[in-house]
N, C-alpha and C. Protein backbone atom coordinates (compact mmCIF):
# COMPACT_ATOMS: atom_id res chain seq x y z
N MET A 1 0.84 -1.18 0.00
CA MET A 1 0.00 0.00 0.00
C MET A 1 0.88 1.25 0.00
N ALA A 2 0.59 2.17 -0.84
CA ALA A 2 1.38 3.40 -0.94
C ALA A 2 1.09 4.32 0.23
N ALA A 3 2.12 5.03 0.68
CA ALA A 3 1.95 5.96 1.79
C ALA A 3 1.18 7.19 1.31
N LYS A 4 0.47 7.82 2.25
CA LYS A 4 -0.25 9.05 1.92
C LYS A 4 0.75 10.15 1.62
N LYS A 5 0.38 11.06 0.76
CA LYS A 5 1.28 12.15 0.36
C LYS A 5 1.46 13.17 1.46
N GLY A 6 0.42 13.51 2.20
CA GLY A 6 0.57 14.43 3.31
C GLY A 6 -0.23 15.71 3.15
N LEU A 7 -0.32 16.43 4.24
CA LEU A 7 -1.11 17.65 4.33
C LEU A 7 -0.63 18.72 3.36
N TYR A 8 0.67 18.99 3.36
CA TYR A 8 1.19 20.07 2.51
C TYR A 8 1.07 19.73 1.03
N HIS A 9 1.20 18.47 0.68
CA HIS A 9 1.01 18.05 -0.70
C HIS A 9 -0.43 18.33 -1.13
N ASN A 10 -1.38 17.97 -0.27
CA ASN A 10 -2.79 18.20 -0.59
C ASN A 10 -3.10 19.69 -0.73
N ILE A 11 -2.53 20.51 0.14
CA ILE A 11 -2.75 21.96 0.08
C ILE A 11 -2.20 22.52 -1.23
N ASN A 12 -0.99 22.10 -1.59
CA ASN A 12 -0.37 22.61 -2.82
C ASN A 12 -1.14 22.16 -4.05
N GLN A 13 -1.64 20.93 -4.06
CA GLN A 13 -2.43 20.45 -5.19
C GLN A 13 -3.72 21.26 -5.33
N LYS A 14 -4.37 21.58 -4.21
CA LYS A 14 -5.60 22.35 -4.27
C LYS A 14 -5.32 23.77 -4.76
N ARG A 15 -4.22 24.37 -4.32
CA ARG A 15 -3.86 25.72 -4.79
C ARG A 15 -3.64 25.73 -6.30
N LYS A 16 -3.02 24.67 -6.82
CA LYS A 16 -2.81 24.57 -8.27
C LYS A 16 -4.14 24.47 -9.00
N ARG A 17 -5.08 23.67 -8.46
CA ARG A 17 -6.39 23.54 -9.10
C ARG A 17 -7.14 24.86 -9.07
N ILE A 18 -7.05 25.60 -7.96
CA ILE A 18 -7.71 26.89 -7.85
C ILE A 18 -7.13 27.87 -8.86
N ALA A 19 -5.80 27.89 -8.98
CA ALA A 19 -5.14 28.79 -9.92
C ALA A 19 -5.52 28.45 -11.36
N ALA A 20 -5.82 27.18 -11.61
CA ALA A 20 -6.20 26.76 -12.96
C ALA A 20 -7.67 27.04 -13.25
N GLY A 21 -8.41 27.54 -12.25
CA GLY A 21 -9.79 27.92 -12.47
C GLY A 21 -10.82 26.87 -12.12
N SER A 22 -10.54 26.04 -11.11
CA SER A 22 -11.47 24.97 -10.75
C SER A 22 -12.74 25.49 -10.07
N GLY A 23 -12.69 26.69 -9.51
CA GLY A 23 -13.85 27.23 -8.81
C GLY A 23 -13.90 26.83 -7.34
N GLU A 24 -12.94 26.04 -6.90
CA GLU A 24 -12.89 25.63 -5.49
C GLU A 24 -12.39 26.81 -4.65
N LYS A 25 -12.58 26.71 -3.34
CA LYS A 25 -12.07 27.71 -2.42
C LYS A 25 -11.39 27.00 -1.26
N MET A 26 -10.39 27.65 -0.69
CA MET A 26 -9.74 27.11 0.49
C MET A 26 -10.68 27.30 1.67
N ARG A 27 -10.67 26.37 2.59
CA ARG A 27 -11.53 26.47 3.77
C ARG A 27 -10.94 27.48 4.75
N LYS A 28 -11.81 28.19 5.42
CA LYS A 28 -11.37 29.18 6.40
C LYS A 28 -10.90 28.48 7.67
N VAL A 29 -9.99 29.13 8.39
CA VAL A 29 -9.48 28.59 9.64
C VAL A 29 -10.65 28.40 10.61
N GLY A 30 -10.73 27.21 11.19
CA GLY A 30 -11.77 26.92 12.16
C GLY A 30 -13.04 26.34 11.56
N SER A 31 -13.17 26.33 10.23
CA SER A 31 -14.38 25.78 9.63
C SER A 31 -14.29 24.26 9.61
N LYS A 32 -15.43 23.61 9.46
CA LYS A 32 -15.51 22.16 9.46
C LYS A 32 -14.70 21.61 8.28
N GLY A 33 -13.82 20.66 8.56
CA GLY A 33 -13.02 20.04 7.52
C GLY A 33 -11.69 20.71 7.25
N ALA A 34 -11.49 21.89 7.80
CA ALA A 34 -10.22 22.60 7.59
C ALA A 34 -9.16 22.01 8.52
N PRO A 35 -7.89 21.97 8.11
CA PRO A 35 -6.84 21.45 8.98
C PRO A 35 -6.69 22.33 10.23
N THR A 36 -6.46 21.70 11.35
CA THR A 36 -6.29 22.41 12.61
C THR A 36 -4.81 22.64 12.88
N ALA A 37 -4.53 23.40 13.91
CA ALA A 37 -3.14 23.64 14.31
C ALA A 37 -2.48 22.32 14.67
N LYS A 38 -3.23 21.41 15.26
CA LYS A 38 -2.71 20.09 15.62
C LYS A 38 -2.30 19.32 14.36
N ASP A 39 -3.09 19.42 13.31
CA ASP A 39 -2.77 18.74 12.05
C ASP A 39 -1.44 19.24 11.49
N PHE A 40 -1.21 20.54 11.57
CA PHE A 40 0.03 21.11 11.05
C PHE A 40 1.23 20.67 11.90
N LYS A 41 1.05 20.58 13.23
CA LYS A 41 2.13 20.12 14.10
C LYS A 41 2.47 18.67 13.80
N GLU A 42 1.45 17.84 13.60
CA GLU A 42 1.67 16.43 13.29
C GLU A 42 2.38 16.26 11.96
N SER A 43 2.02 17.05 10.98
CA SER A 43 2.65 16.93 9.65
C SER A 43 4.09 17.42 9.70
N ALA A 44 4.39 18.36 10.57
CA ALA A 44 5.76 18.86 10.69
C ALA A 44 6.69 17.78 11.23
N LYS A 45 6.17 16.86 12.03
CA LYS A 45 6.97 15.79 12.59
C LYS A 45 7.46 14.83 11.52
N THR A 46 6.68 14.66 10.47
CA THR A 46 7.03 13.70 9.42
C THR A 46 7.55 14.37 8.16
N ALA A 47 7.76 15.68 8.21
CA ALA A 47 8.23 16.41 7.02
C ALA A 47 9.64 15.97 6.66
N LYS A 48 9.89 15.90 5.37
CA LYS A 48 11.23 15.53 4.89
C LYS A 48 12.14 16.75 4.98
N LYS A 49 13.36 16.53 5.45
CA LYS A 49 14.34 17.61 5.54
C LYS A 49 14.94 17.85 4.16
N LYS A 50 15.09 19.11 3.79
CA LYS A 50 15.68 19.43 2.48
C LYS A 50 17.16 19.68 2.61
């Protein structure tokens, strides 16, 4: 089974779709389904070092 790409990958992919004119919008901070501060801390733990 392939590993999940991660939070930042998903955010960047959505930004690309929005820039291409998909009509989607980013979720506001605190709205249902939006990443929380905890989600960002968890993703930082597994981030690849450049």
